[in-house]
Amino acid sequence: YHVTPGDDVSDHGFDSLYEMTTSWGKDVGRVLGSGRHLLLMVDDLLDLSRIEVDGVKLAIEAIDLALLMHEIVELVEISIDLRGNAFQVDIAPDLGVISTDRKAFTQILLNLLSNAFKYTHEGQVALRVRRASLNEEDVEDDAIEVIVEDSGEGMSEEDLKKVFGAFVQADDSYTRVHEGVGLGLAIASKLAEALEVTLDVVSTRGEGTRFSLTLPRVHSSFEA
């Protein structure tokens, strides 16, 4: 369909012109969406390859954890598709200061939260942060616990066994519906190991997933 200079648009019909522009807009939207998806995939591949080749290079520093957590929440709200989910945030006000790598810790949480929102639709995703102990029998305040929990699709026992592997998603029906190549959790796992973080997951198919992180308040390499 072609409109030449001097043509009277009304002769061709405004409805046809509207349909054309609407179709073009949808096509452009698809292209832009695919481009963003490819960029994210490339970023994940580069991150994982750097970790595999060079290991994780940390910049440990003293950090006001409550402040950092609120910054992460803001990042989630502006950069992740919430997919109609309620985002519940419970950050204890007395978290104090921890020593960790800001960038690595932030990436772990963004990857976990992105995963939670990806596999949950019009449900709930919760982020909870509180003081904890590295030893269950010890009341000493030497750790922080972070919980990322969703009411989404959940995983089978077989999926749980390989959830932190590279290029892994849940079963094929999930892979067909959800974008990604399954690198986010693999990256989170490797970063968690470098940060001396214990990363656990509990999930039931059809009932949701709960990731928990326990990190020491002071990283072993920190020098005050």
N, C-alpha and C. Protein backbone atom coordinates (compact mmCIF):
# COMPACT_ATOMS: atom_id res chain seq x y z
N TYR A 1 0.87 -1.19 0.00
CA TYR A 1 0.00 0.00 0.00
C TYR A 1 0.90 1.22 0.00
N HIS A 2 0.69 2.14 -0.91
CA HIS A 2 1.60 3.28 -1.07
C HIS A 2 0.80 4.55 -1.28
N VAL A 3 1.15 5.60 -0.54
CA VAL A 3 0.51 6.90 -0.69
C VAL A 3 1.51 7.84 -1.34
N THR A 4 1.19 8.35 -2.53
CA THR A 4 2.10 9.24 -3.24
C THR A 4 1.81 10.67 -2.87
N PRO A 5 2.82 11.57 -3.00
CA PRO A 5 2.60 12.99 -2.71
C PRO A 5 1.42 13.53 -3.51
N GLY A 6 0.58 14.29 -2.86
CA GLY A 6 -0.57 14.88 -3.52
C GLY A 6 -1.82 14.04 -3.40
N ASP A 7 -1.67 12.76 -2.98
CA ASP A 7 -2.85 11.93 -2.79
C ASP A 7 -3.70 12.48 -1.68
N ASP A 8 -4.97 12.34 -1.78
CA ASP A 8 -5.89 12.69 -0.71
C ASP A 8 -6.04 11.48 0.17
N VAL A 9 -5.56 11.59 1.40
CA VAL A 9 -5.58 10.44 2.30
C VAL A 9 -6.98 9.90 2.47
N SER A 10 -7.96 10.80 2.46
CA SER A 10 -9.33 10.37 2.68
C SER A 10 -9.79 9.43 1.58
N ASP A 11 -9.18 9.53 0.37
CA ASP A 11 -9.56 8.66 -0.73
C ASP A 11 -9.18 7.22 -0.42
N HIS A 12 -8.10 7.03 0.30
CA HIS A 12 -7.64 5.68 0.63
C HIS A 12 -8.31 5.18 1.90
N GLY A 13 -8.82 6.10 2.68
CA GLY A 13 -9.51 5.69 3.89
C GLY A 13 -8.63 5.79 5.12
N PHE A 14 -9.14 6.52 6.11
CA PHE A 14 -8.38 6.66 7.35
C PHE A 14 -8.24 5.32 8.06
N ASP A 15 -9.24 4.45 7.90
CA ASP A 15 -9.17 3.15 8.58
C ASP A 15 -7.99 2.33 8.09
N SER A 16 -7.76 2.33 6.78
CA SER A 16 -6.64 1.57 6.22
C SER A 16 -5.32 2.14 6.70
N LEU A 17 -5.21 3.48 6.73
CA LEU A 17 -3.97 4.11 7.18
C LEU A 17 -3.73 3.80 8.66
N TYR A 18 -4.78 3.80 9.46
CA TYR A 18 -4.65 3.50 10.89
C TYR A 18 -4.17 2.07 11.09
N GLU A 19 -4.77 1.13 10.29
CA GLU A 19 -4.36 -0.27 10.40
C GLU A 19 -2.90 -0.44 10.05
N MET A 20 -2.44 0.30 9.03
CA MET A 20 -1.04 0.21 8.62
C MET A 20 -0.11 0.66 9.73
N THR A 21 -0.39 1.84 10.28
CA THR A 21 0.50 2.39 11.31
C THR A 21 0.47 1.54 12.57
N THR A 22 -0.71 1.00 12.90
CA THR A 22 -0.80 0.13 14.07
C THR A 22 0.03 -1.13 13.87
N SER A 23 -0.05 -1.69 12.67
CA SER A 23 0.73 -2.90 12.36
C SER A 23 2.22 -2.61 12.42
N TRP A 24 2.63 -1.46 11.83
CA TRP A 24 4.04 -1.09 11.89
C TRP A 24 4.51 -0.94 13.34
N GLY A 25 3.66 -0.31 14.15
CA GLY A 25 4.02 -0.10 15.56
C GLY A 25 4.24 -1.42 16.29
N LYS A 26 3.36 -2.40 16.01
CA LYS A 26 3.51 -3.70 16.65
C LYS A 26 4.80 -4.38 16.20
N ASP A 27 5.09 -4.27 14.88
CA ASP A 27 6.31 -4.89 14.36
C ASP A 27 7.55 -4.27 14.99
N VAL A 28 7.56 -2.93 15.10
CA VAL A 28 8.69 -2.24 15.72
C VAL A 28 8.82 -2.66 17.18
N GLY A 29 7.69 -2.78 17.86
CA GLY A 29 7.72 -3.21 19.26
C GLY A 29 8.32 -4.59 19.42
N ARG A 30 7.96 -5.50 18.49
CA ARG A 30 8.52 -6.85 18.55
C ARG A 30 10.03 -6.84 18.32
N VAL A 31 10.46 -6.04 17.36
CA VAL A 31 11.90 -5.95 17.06
C VAL A 31 12.66 -5.40 18.26
N LEU A 32 12.14 -4.32 18.86
CA LEU A 32 12.81 -3.73 20.02
C LEU A 32 12.83 -4.70 21.19
N GLY A 33 11.71 -5.40 21.40
CA GLY A 33 11.67 -6.37 22.48
C GLY A 33 12.66 -7.50 22.28
N SER A 34 12.76 -8.00 21.04
CA SER A 34 13.73 -9.06 20.73
C SER A 34 15.15 -8.56 20.92
N GLY A 35 15.40 -7.30 20.52
CA GLY A 35 16.74 -6.72 20.69
C GLY A 35 17.13 -6.63 22.14
N ARG A 36 16.21 -6.17 22.98
CA ARG A 36 16.50 -6.08 24.42
C ARG A 36 16.78 -7.46 25.00
N HIS A 37 15.98 -8.44 24.57
CA HIS A 37 16.16 -9.80 25.07
C HIS A 37 17.53 -10.35 24.68
N LEU A 38 17.94 -10.11 23.44
CA LEU A 38 19.25 -10.58 22.98
C LEU A 38 20.38 -9.91 23.76
N LEU A 39 20.23 -8.61 24.03
CA LEU A 39 21.26 -7.90 24.80
C LEU A 39 21.40 -8.49 26.20
N LEU A 40 20.27 -8.81 26.83
CA LEU A 40 20.31 -9.40 28.15
C LEU A 40 20.98 -10.77 28.11
N MET A 41 20.68 -11.55 27.08
CA MET A 41 21.31 -12.86 26.95
C MET A 41 22.81 -12.72 26.77
N VAL A 42 23.24 -11.78 25.93
CA VAL A 42 24.67 -11.57 25.71
C VAL A 42 25.35 -11.12 26.99
N ASP A 43 24.70 -10.21 27.74
CA ASP A 43 25.27 -9.75 29.01
C ASP A 43 25.47 -10.91 29.97
N ASP A 44 24.46 -11.79 30.06
CA ASP A 44 24.57 -12.94 30.95
C ASP A 44 25.69 -13.88 30.51
N LEU A 45 25.79 -14.11 29.21
CA LEU A 45 26.85 -14.97 28.70
C LEU A 45 28.23 -14.40 29.00
N LEU A 46 28.37 -13.09 28.83
CA LEU A 46 29.66 -12.45 29.11
C LEU A 46 29.98 -12.52 30.60
N ASP A 47 28.97 -12.27 31.43
CA ASP A 47 29.19 -12.34 32.88
C ASP A 47 29.65 -13.74 33.29
N LEU A 48 28.94 -14.75 32.79
CA LEU A 48 29.28 -16.12 33.17
C LEU A 48 30.65 -16.53 32.65
N SER A 49 30.97 -16.12 31.41
CA SER A 49 32.28 -16.48 30.85
C SER A 49 33.41 -15.81 31.62
N ARG A 50 33.20 -14.54 32.04
CA ARG A 50 34.23 -13.85 32.84
C ARG A 50 34.45 -14.56 34.17
N ILE A 51 33.34 -14.99 34.78
CA ILE A 51 33.46 -15.69 36.06
C ILE A 51 34.19 -17.01 35.89
N GLU A 52 33.85 -17.74 34.81
CA GLU A 52 34.47 -19.04 34.56
C GLU A 52 35.97 -18.90 34.29
N VAL A 53 36.36 -17.86 33.56
CA VAL A 53 37.76 -17.69 33.16
C VAL A 53 38.59 -17.02 34.25
N ASP A 54 38.08 -15.92 34.77
CA ASP A 54 38.87 -15.10 35.69
C ASP A 54 38.46 -15.24 37.15
N GLY A 55 37.38 -15.95 37.42
CA GLY A 55 36.87 -15.98 38.78
C GLY A 55 36.13 -14.69 39.10
N VAL A 56 35.71 -14.55 40.33
CA VAL A 56 34.98 -13.36 40.75
C VAL A 56 35.95 -12.43 41.48
N LYS A 57 36.14 -11.25 40.92
CA LYS A 57 37.01 -10.26 41.54
C LYS A 57 36.16 -9.33 42.39
N LEU A 58 36.41 -9.36 43.70
CA LEU A 58 35.56 -8.65 44.64
C LEU A 58 36.18 -7.33 45.09
N ALA A 59 35.31 -6.39 45.38
CA ALA A 59 35.70 -5.12 46.00
C ALA A 59 34.91 -5.01 47.30
N ILE A 60 35.45 -5.61 48.35
CA ILE A 60 34.73 -5.67 49.63
C ILE A 60 34.80 -4.31 50.32
N GLU A 61 33.65 -3.85 50.77
CA GLU A 61 33.58 -2.55 51.46
C GLU A 61 32.48 -2.58 52.51
N ALA A 62 32.54 -1.65 53.45
CA ALA A 62 31.50 -1.54 54.46
C ALA A 62 30.28 -0.86 53.84
N ILE A 63 29.10 -1.47 54.03
CA ILE A 63 27.89 -1.00 53.36
C ILE A 63 26.73 -0.91 54.36
N ASP A 64 26.00 0.18 54.30
CA ASP A 64 24.75 0.31 55.04
C ASP A 64 23.72 -0.57 54.33
N LEU A 65 23.40 -1.71 54.91
CA LEU A 65 22.59 -2.70 54.19
C LEU A 65 21.17 -2.22 53.94
N ALA A 66 20.54 -1.59 54.91
CA ALA A 66 19.16 -1.13 54.71
C ALA A 66 19.08 -0.15 53.54
N LEU A 67 20.06 0.74 53.45
CA LEU A 67 20.08 1.71 52.35
C LEU A 67 20.25 0.99 51.01
N LEU A 68 21.17 0.01 50.96
CA LEU A 68 21.39 -0.73 49.73
C LEU A 68 20.14 -1.51 49.33
N MET A 69 19.45 -2.10 50.30
CA MET A 69 18.25 -2.87 49.98
C MET A 69 17.17 -1.99 49.37
N HIS A 70 17.01 -0.79 49.90
CA HIS A 70 16.00 0.12 49.33
C HIS A 70 16.39 0.55 47.92
N GLU A 71 17.69 0.70 47.66
CA GLU A 71 18.14 1.01 46.30
C GLU A 71 17.83 -0.14 45.35
N ILE A 72 18.00 -1.37 45.83
CA ILE A 72 17.71 -2.55 45.01
C ILE A 72 16.21 -2.62 44.70
N VAL A 73 15.38 -2.33 45.69
CA VAL A 73 13.93 -2.33 45.48
C VAL A 73 13.55 -1.32 44.40
N GLU A 74 14.15 -0.14 44.45
CA GLU A 74 13.86 0.87 43.42
C GLU A 74 14.28 0.38 42.04
N LEU A 75 15.44 -0.29 41.96
CA LEU A 75 15.89 -0.85 40.68
C LEU A 75 14.90 -1.87 40.14
N VAL A 76 14.40 -2.72 41.02
CA VAL A 76 13.43 -3.73 40.61
C VAL A 76 12.17 -3.07 40.04
N GLU A 77 11.68 -2.07 40.73
CA GLU A 77 10.43 -1.45 40.34
C GLU A 77 10.51 -0.71 39.00
N ILE A 78 11.72 -0.26 38.62
CA ILE A 78 11.84 0.48 37.36
C ILE A 78 12.41 -0.37 36.22
N SER A 79 12.99 -1.54 36.53
CA SER A 79 13.69 -2.28 35.48
C SER A 79 13.15 -3.68 35.21
N ILE A 80 12.30 -4.19 36.08
CA ILE A 80 11.79 -5.56 35.92
C ILE A 80 10.29 -5.52 35.66
N ASP A 81 9.84 -6.33 34.72
CA ASP A 81 8.40 -6.46 34.45
C ASP A 81 7.76 -7.20 35.61
N LEU A 82 6.91 -6.50 36.38
CA LEU A 82 6.31 -7.11 37.56
C LEU A 82 5.18 -8.07 37.22
N ARG A 83 4.74 -8.10 35.98
CA ARG A 83 3.75 -9.07 35.48
C ARG A 83 2.48 -9.13 36.32
N GLY A 84 2.04 -7.97 36.80
CA GLY A 84 0.80 -7.91 37.56
C GLY A 84 0.89 -8.47 38.96
N ASN A 85 2.10 -8.72 39.45
CA ASN A 85 2.28 -9.28 40.78
C ASN A 85 2.35 -8.20 41.85
N ALA A 86 1.89 -8.55 43.03
CA ALA A 86 2.10 -7.69 44.19
C ALA A 86 3.53 -7.90 44.68
N PHE A 87 4.24 -6.81 44.92
CA PHE A 87 5.62 -6.89 45.39
C PHE A 87 5.65 -6.49 46.85
N GLN A 88 5.86 -7.46 47.72
CA GLN A 88 5.86 -7.23 49.16
C GLN A 88 7.30 -7.11 49.66
N VAL A 89 7.58 -6.03 50.36
CA VAL A 89 8.94 -5.76 50.83
C VAL A 89 8.93 -5.60 52.35
N ASP A 90 9.76 -6.35 53.03
CA ASP A 90 9.88 -6.26 54.48
C ASP A 90 11.37 -6.21 54.83
N ILE A 91 11.87 -5.00 55.01
CA ILE A 91 13.29 -4.80 55.33
C ILE A 91 13.41 -4.31 56.77
N ALA A 92 14.04 -5.11 57.61
CA ALA A 92 14.19 -4.71 59.01
C ALA A 92 14.96 -3.39 59.09
N PRO A 93 14.56 -2.50 59.98
CA PRO A 93 15.19 -1.18 60.05
C PRO A 93 16.55 -1.18 60.73
N ASP A 94 16.90 -2.27 61.42
CA ASP A 94 18.12 -2.28 62.23
C ASP A 94 19.17 -3.24 61.68
N LEU A 95 19.33 -3.26 60.37
CA LEU A 95 20.25 -4.21 59.75
C LEU A 95 21.71 -3.85 59.98
N GLY A 96 21.99 -2.58 60.13
CA GLY A 96 23.36 -2.15 60.40
C GLY A 96 24.25 -2.22 59.17
N VAL A 97 25.55 -2.35 59.42
CA VAL A 97 26.56 -2.33 58.36
C VAL A 97 27.08 -3.75 58.12
N ILE A 98 27.29 -4.09 56.85
CA ILE A 98 27.92 -5.35 56.50
C ILE A 98 29.12 -5.06 55.60
N SER A 99 30.00 -6.04 55.47
CA SER A 99 31.10 -5.90 54.51
C SER A 99 30.89 -6.92 53.40
N THR A 100 30.72 -6.42 52.18
CA THR A 100 30.50 -7.29 51.02
C THR A 100 30.83 -6.52 49.76
N ASP A 101 30.67 -7.16 48.63
CA ASP A 101 30.84 -6.49 47.34
C ASP A 101 29.48 -5.99 46.88
N ARG A 102 29.34 -4.68 46.77
CA ARG A 102 28.06 -4.08 46.46
C ARG A 102 27.49 -4.58 45.13
N LYS A 103 28.33 -4.58 44.10
CA LYS A 103 27.86 -4.95 42.76
C LYS A 103 27.44 -6.41 42.71
N ALA A 104 28.25 -7.29 43.27
CA ALA A 104 27.94 -8.73 43.23
C ALA A 104 26.68 -9.05 44.03
N PHE A 105 26.57 -8.46 45.21
CA PHE A 105 25.40 -8.69 46.06
C PHE A 105 24.13 -8.19 45.37
N THR A 106 24.22 -7.03 44.76
CA THR A 106 23.06 -6.48 44.04
C THR A 106 22.66 -7.37 42.88
N GLN A 107 23.65 -7.89 42.14
CA GLN A 107 23.33 -8.74 41.01
C GLN A 107 22.67 -10.04 41.45
N ILE A 108 23.12 -10.60 42.56
CA ILE A 108 22.48 -11.81 43.06
C ILE A 108 20.99 -11.58 43.29
N LEU A 109 20.68 -10.50 44.00
CA LEU A 109 19.28 -10.24 44.33
C LEU A 109 18.46 -9.88 43.10
N LEU A 110 19.03 -9.11 42.19
CA LEU A 110 18.29 -8.77 40.96
C LEU A 110 18.00 -10.03 40.14
N ASN A 111 18.96 -10.95 40.08
CA ASN A 111 18.75 -12.19 39.34
C ASN A 111 17.66 -13.05 40.00
N LEU A 112 17.69 -13.14 41.32
CA LEU A 112 16.67 -13.93 42.02
C LEU A 112 15.28 -13.31 41.88
N LEU A 113 15.21 -11.99 42.02
CA LEU A 113 13.91 -11.32 41.91
C LEU A 113 13.38 -11.36 40.48
N SER A 114 14.27 -11.19 39.51
CA SER A 114 13.86 -11.28 38.11
C SER A 114 13.30 -12.67 37.83
N ASN A 115 13.95 -13.69 38.35
CA ASN A 115 13.47 -15.06 38.17
C ASN A 115 12.10 -15.25 38.81
N ALA A 116 11.92 -14.69 40.01
CA ALA A 116 10.64 -14.82 40.71
C ALA A 116 9.50 -14.19 39.92
N PHE A 117 9.73 -12.99 39.41
CA PHE A 117 8.68 -12.31 38.64
C PHE A 117 8.43 -13.01 37.30
N LYS A 118 9.47 -13.58 36.73
CA LYS A 118 9.32 -14.25 35.43
C LYS A 118 8.36 -15.43 35.52
N TYR A 119 8.44 -16.18 36.63
CA TYR A 119 7.65 -17.40 36.77
C TYR A 119 6.40 -17.22 37.63
N THR A 120 6.03 -15.97 37.88
CA THR A 120 4.82 -15.69 38.64
C THR A 120 3.99 -14.66 37.88
N HIS A 121 2.69 -14.90 37.78
CA HIS A 121 1.82 -13.97 37.06
C HIS A 121 0.59 -13.68 37.90
N GLU A 122 0.39 -12.38 38.19
CA GLU A 122 -0.75 -11.92 38.99
C GLU A 122 -0.81 -12.66 40.33
N GLY A 123 0.37 -12.83 40.92
CA GLY A 123 0.46 -13.45 42.23
C GLY A 123 1.22 -12.53 43.18
N GLN A 124 2.14 -13.10 43.95
CA GLN A 124 2.90 -12.33 44.92
C GLN A 124 4.38 -12.70 44.87
N VAL A 125 5.21 -11.69 44.97
CA VAL A 125 6.65 -11.88 45.14
C VAL A 125 7.06 -11.10 46.39
N ALA A 126 7.76 -11.75 47.29
CA ALA A 126 8.13 -11.12 48.55
C ALA A 126 9.65 -11.06 48.71
N LEU A 127 10.11 -9.95 49.27
CA LEU A 127 11.51 -9.77 49.62
C LEU A 127 11.57 -9.43 51.10
N ARG A 128 12.25 -10.27 51.87
CA ARG A 128 12.37 -10.05 53.32
C ARG A 128 13.83 -10.09 53.73
N VAL A 129 14.22 -9.15 54.58
CA VAL A 129 15.61 -9.06 55.04
C VAL A 129 15.61 -8.87 56.55
N ARG A 130 16.42 -9.66 57.25
CA ARG A 130 16.45 -9.57 58.71
C ARG A 130 17.81 -10.01 59.24
N ARG A 131 18.07 -9.68 60.48
CA ARG A 131 19.27 -10.15 61.16
C ARG A 131 19.19 -11.65 61.37
N ALA A 132 20.34 -12.32 61.41
CA ALA A 132 20.35 -13.76 61.58
C ALA A 132 21.65 -14.19 62.24
N SER A 133 21.82 -15.50 62.33
CA SER A 133 23.04 -16.07 62.90
C SER A 133 23.56 -17.15 61.96
N LEU A 134 24.87 -17.26 61.85
CA LEU A 134 25.46 -18.31 61.01
C LEU A 134 25.27 -19.69 61.63
N ASN A 135 25.08 -19.74 62.92
CA ASN A 135 24.87 -20.99 63.63
C ASN A 135 23.50 -20.93 64.29
N GLU A 136 22.63 -21.90 64.00
CA GLU A 136 21.27 -21.86 64.52
C GLU A 136 21.22 -21.84 66.04
N GLU A 137 22.24 -22.39 66.69
CA GLU A 137 22.26 -22.45 68.14
C GLU A 137 22.92 -21.22 68.75
N ASP A 138 23.42 -20.35 67.89
CA ASP A 138 24.14 -19.16 68.36
C ASP A 138 23.25 -17.94 68.20
N VAL A 139 23.11 -17.17 69.26
CA VAL A 139 22.24 -15.99 69.21
C VAL A 139 23.01 -14.75 68.76
N GLU A 140 24.29 -14.90 68.51
CA GLU A 140 25.11 -13.76 68.12
C GLU A 140 24.66 -13.22 66.76
N ASP A 141 24.59 -11.91 66.64
CA ASP A 141 24.16 -11.25 65.41
C ASP A 141 25.33 -11.13 64.44
N ASP A 142 25.65 -12.25 63.75
CA ASP A 142 26.82 -12.26 62.89
C ASP A 142 26.47 -12.51 61.43
N ALA A 143 25.18 -12.45 61.09
CA ALA A 143 24.77 -12.75 59.72
C ALA A 143 23.49 -12.00 59.36
N ILE A 144 23.18 -12.04 58.07
CA ILE A 144 21.96 -11.45 57.54
C ILE A 144 21.26 -12.51 56.71
N GLU A 145 19.95 -12.59 56.82
CA GLU A 145 19.16 -13.51 56.01
C GLU A 145 18.29 -12.72 55.04
N VAL A 146 18.33 -13.11 53.77
CA VAL A 146 17.51 -12.48 52.74
C VAL A 146 16.64 -13.57 52.11
N ILE A 147 15.34 -13.32 52.06
CA ILE A 147 14.40 -14.28 51.49
C ILE A 147 13.76 -13.67 50.24
N VAL A 148 13.75 -14.42 49.15
CA VAL A 148 13.01 -14.06 47.94
C VAL A 148 12.01 -15.19 47.71
N GLU A 149 10.73 -14.88 47.83
CA GLU A 149 9.71 -15.92 47.78
C GLU A 149 8.60 -15.51 46.81
N ASP A 150 8.10 -16.48 46.04
CA ASP A 150 7.02 -16.18 45.10
C ASP A 150 5.93 -17.23 45.18
N SER A 151 4.77 -16.86 44.63
CA SER A 151 3.63 -17.78 44.60
C SER A 151 3.43 -18.34 43.20
N GLY A 152 4.52 -18.42 42.45
CA GLY A 152 4.44 -18.78 41.05
C GLY A 152 4.37 -20.26 40.77
N GLU A 153 4.95 -20.66 39.64
CA GLU A 153 4.78 -22.00 39.10
C GLU A 153 5.50 -23.07 39.90
N GLY A 154 6.56 -22.70 40.59
CA GLY A 154 7.30 -23.68 41.36
C GLY A 154 8.09 -24.64 40.49
N MET A 155 8.80 -25.55 41.13
CA MET A 155 9.65 -26.50 40.42
C MET A 155 9.46 -27.91 40.96
N SER A 156 9.70 -28.87 40.11
CA SER A 156 9.65 -30.27 40.53
C SER A 156 10.95 -30.62 41.24
N GLU A 157 11.00 -31.79 41.87
CA GLU A 157 12.22 -32.24 42.54
C GLU A 157 13.36 -32.38 41.54
N GLU A 158 13.05 -32.81 40.34
CA GLU A 158 14.08 -32.97 39.31
C GLU A 158 14.65 -31.62 38.91
N ASP A 159 13.78 -30.60 38.78
CA ASP A 159 14.24 -29.25 38.43
C ASP A 159 15.15 -28.70 39.52
N LEU A 160 14.79 -28.96 40.79
CA LEU A 160 15.57 -28.43 41.91
C LEU A 160 17.01 -28.94 41.91
N LYS A 161 17.21 -30.16 41.43
CA LYS A 161 18.54 -30.75 41.44
C LYS A 161 19.51 -30.01 40.51
N LYS A 162 18.98 -29.33 39.50
CA LYS A 162 19.83 -28.68 38.50
C LYS A 162 19.58 -27.19 38.39
N VAL A 163 18.88 -26.61 39.37
CA VAL A 163 18.41 -25.23 39.24
C VAL A 163 19.55 -24.22 39.11
N PHE A 164 20.72 -24.50 39.69
CA PHE A 164 21.83 -23.54 39.63
C PHE A 164 22.82 -23.86 38.51
N GLY A 165 22.46 -24.78 37.63
CA GLY A 165 23.32 -25.08 36.50
C GLY A 165 23.15 -24.07 35.38
N ALA A 166 24.18 -23.92 34.54
CA ALA A 166 24.11 -23.00 33.41
C ALA A 166 23.19 -23.56 32.33
N PHE A 167 22.48 -22.66 31.65
CA PHE A 167 21.58 -23.00 30.54
C PHE A 167 20.45 -23.91 31.00
N VAL A 168 20.03 -23.73 32.24
CA VAL A 168 18.96 -24.57 32.77
C VAL A 168 17.74 -23.73 33.06
N GLN A 169 16.59 -24.19 32.56
CA GLN A 169 15.30 -23.68 32.99
C GLN A 169 14.51 -24.88 33.50
N ALA A 170 13.32 -24.57 34.04
CA ALA A 170 12.46 -25.69 34.42
C ALA A 170 12.04 -26.41 33.15
N ASP A 171 11.15 -27.39 33.24
CA ASP A 171 10.89 -28.29 32.12
C ASP A 171 10.50 -27.57 30.83
N ASP A 172 10.38 -28.32 29.76
CA ASP A 172 10.20 -27.75 28.44
C ASP A 172 8.98 -26.86 28.33
N SER A 173 7.92 -27.16 29.07
CA SER A 173 6.73 -26.32 28.97
C SER A 173 7.03 -24.92 29.49
N TYR A 174 7.88 -24.80 30.50
CA TYR A 174 8.29 -23.49 30.98
C TYR A 174 9.14 -22.78 29.93
N THR A 175 10.10 -23.52 29.35
CA THR A 175 11.01 -22.94 28.39
C THR A 175 10.27 -22.35 27.20
N ARG A 176 9.21 -23.00 26.79
CA ARG A 176 8.45 -22.49 25.65
C ARG A 176 7.73 -21.19 25.99
N VAL A 177 7.34 -21.02 27.25
CA VAL A 177 6.55 -19.85 27.65
C VAL A 177 7.43 -18.68 28.04
N HIS A 178 8.56 -18.94 28.71
CA HIS A 178 9.36 -17.88 29.30
C HIS A 178 10.65 -17.65 28.53
N GLU A 179 11.03 -16.38 28.44
CA GLU A 179 12.26 -16.02 27.75
C GLU A 179 13.46 -16.34 28.62
N GLY A 180 14.64 -16.39 27.98
CA GLY A 180 15.87 -16.57 28.73
C GLY A 180 16.55 -17.87 28.37
N VAL A 181 17.80 -17.95 28.75
CA VAL A 181 18.56 -19.17 28.47
C VAL A 181 19.03 -19.84 29.76
N GLY A 182 18.51 -19.41 30.90
CA GLY A 182 18.79 -20.10 32.14
C GLY A 182 20.15 -19.82 32.73
N LEU A 183 20.63 -18.57 32.65
CA LEU A 183 21.95 -18.23 33.20
C LEU A 183 21.86 -17.46 34.50
N GLY A 184 20.75 -16.81 34.75
CA GLY A 184 20.65 -15.92 35.91
C GLY A 184 20.95 -16.60 37.23
N LEU A 185 20.37 -17.77 37.45
CA LEU A 185 20.59 -18.47 38.72
C LEU A 185 21.99 -19.06 38.81
N ALA A 186 22.54 -19.46 37.66
CA ALA A 186 23.93 -19.97 37.66
C ALA A 186 24.89 -18.86 38.08
N ILE A 187 24.67 -17.66 37.55
CA ILE A 187 25.51 -16.52 37.91
C ILE A 187 25.33 -16.18 39.39
N ALA A 188 24.07 -16.17 39.85
CA ALA A 188 23.80 -15.87 41.26
C ALA A 188 24.51 -16.86 42.17
N SER A 189 24.51 -18.13 41.78
CA SER A 189 25.14 -19.15 42.60
C SER A 189 26.65 -18.95 42.71
N LYS A 190 27.29 -18.63 41.60
CA LYS A 190 28.74 -18.43 41.61
C LYS A 190 29.12 -17.17 42.38
N LEU A 191 28.33 -16.11 42.23
CA LEU A 191 28.60 -14.88 42.99
C LEU A 191 28.39 -15.12 44.48
N ALA A 192 27.36 -15.87 44.82
CA ALA A 192 27.09 -16.18 46.23
C ALA A 192 28.25 -16.93 46.86
N GLU A 193 28.80 -17.88 46.13
CA GLU A 193 29.94 -18.63 46.64
C GLU A 193 31.13 -17.70 46.92
N ALA A 194 31.37 -16.76 46.02
CA ALA A 194 32.48 -15.82 46.21
C ALA A 194 32.25 -14.91 47.40
N LEU A 195 30.98 -14.58 47.66
CA LEU A 195 30.65 -13.69 48.77
C LEU A 195 30.48 -14.43 50.09
N GLU A 196 30.75 -15.76 50.08
CA GLU A 196 30.61 -16.60 51.28
C GLU A 196 29.16 -16.64 51.74
N VAL A 197 28.26 -16.59 50.77
CA VAL A 197 26.82 -16.62 51.03
C VAL A 197 26.30 -18.05 50.85
N THR A 198 25.48 -18.50 51.79
CA THR A 198 24.78 -19.77 51.64
C THR A 198 23.48 -19.51 50.90
N LEU A 199 23.32 -20.15 49.75
CA LEU A 199 22.14 -19.95 48.92
C LEU A 199 21.35 -21.25 48.84
N ASP A 200 20.12 -21.22 49.35
CA ASP A 200 19.27 -22.41 49.37
C ASP A 200 17.97 -22.13 48.64
N VAL A 201 17.33 -23.21 48.19
CA VAL A 201 16.05 -23.07 47.50
C VAL A 201 15.11 -24.19 47.91
N VAL A 202 13.85 -23.82 48.13
CA VAL A 202 12.79 -24.78 48.41
C VAL A 202 11.65 -24.46 47.46
N SER A 203 11.09 -25.48 46.83
CA SER A 203 10.03 -25.22 45.86
C SER A 203 9.12 -26.43 45.73
N THR A 204 7.85 -26.15 45.44
CA THR A 204 6.87 -27.19 45.16
C THR A 204 6.15 -26.83 43.87
N ARG A 205 6.07 -27.75 42.97
CA ARG A 205 5.43 -27.49 41.68
C ARG A 205 3.99 -27.01 41.89
N GLY A 206 3.68 -25.86 41.32
CA GLY A 206 2.34 -25.29 41.41
C GLY A 206 2.10 -24.45 42.64
N GLU A 207 3.10 -24.36 43.55
CA GLU A 207 2.89 -23.64 44.80
C GLU A 207 3.88 -22.50 45.02
N GLY A 208 4.92 -22.43 44.22
CA GLY A 208 5.87 -21.33 44.37
C GLY A 208 7.26 -21.78 44.78
N THR A 209 8.13 -20.78 44.93
CA THR A 209 9.55 -21.04 45.21
C THR A 209 10.06 -20.06 46.26
N ARG A 210 10.98 -20.54 47.09
CA ARG A 210 11.57 -19.70 48.14
C ARG A 210 13.09 -19.85 48.09
N PHE A 211 13.77 -18.75 47.76
CA PHE A 211 15.23 -18.70 47.83
C PHE A 211 15.63 -18.00 49.12
N SER A 212 16.61 -18.54 49.79
CA SER A 212 17.12 -17.91 51.02
C SER A 212 18.62 -17.75 50.93
N LEU A 213 19.09 -16.56 51.32
CA LEU A 213 20.51 -16.28 51.36
C LEU A 213 20.90 -15.96 52.80
N THR A 214 21.96 -16.58 53.26
CA THR A 214 22.53 -16.23 54.56
C THR A 214 23.96 -15.78 54.32
N LEU A 215 24.24 -14.52 54.62
CA LEU A 215 25.58 -13.99 54.38
C LEU A 215 26.20 -13.51 55.68
N PRO A 216 27.48 -13.74 55.84
CA PRO A 216 28.15 -13.26 57.05
C PRO A 216 28.17 -11.73 57.08
N ARG A 217 28.06 -11.19 58.26
CA ARG A 217 28.10 -9.74 58.38
C ARG A 217 29.46 -9.18 57.94
N VAL A 218 30.51 -9.96 58.12
CA VAL A 218 31.85 -9.52 57.73
C VAL A 218 32.48 -10.57 56.81
N HIS A 219 32.81 -10.18 55.58
CA HIS A 219 33.47 -11.09 54.66
C HIS A 219 34.89 -11.36 55.16
N SER A 220 35.37 -12.59 54.96
CA SER A 220 36.67 -12.99 55.51
C SER A 220 37.83 -12.15 54.99
N SER A 221 37.67 -11.56 53.81
CA SER A 221 38.77 -10.76 53.24
C SER A 221 38.70 -9.28 53.58
N PHE A 222 37.70 -8.91 54.37
CA PHE A 222 37.52 -7.48 54.67
C PHE A 222 38.58 -6.98 55.63
N GLU A 223 39.14 -5.81 55.29
CA GLU A 223 40.11 -5.16 56.16
C GLU A 223 39.57 -3.78 56.52
N ALA A 224 39.30 -3.60 57.79
CA ALA A 224 38.70 -2.33 58.26
C ALA A 224 39.71 -1.20 58.09
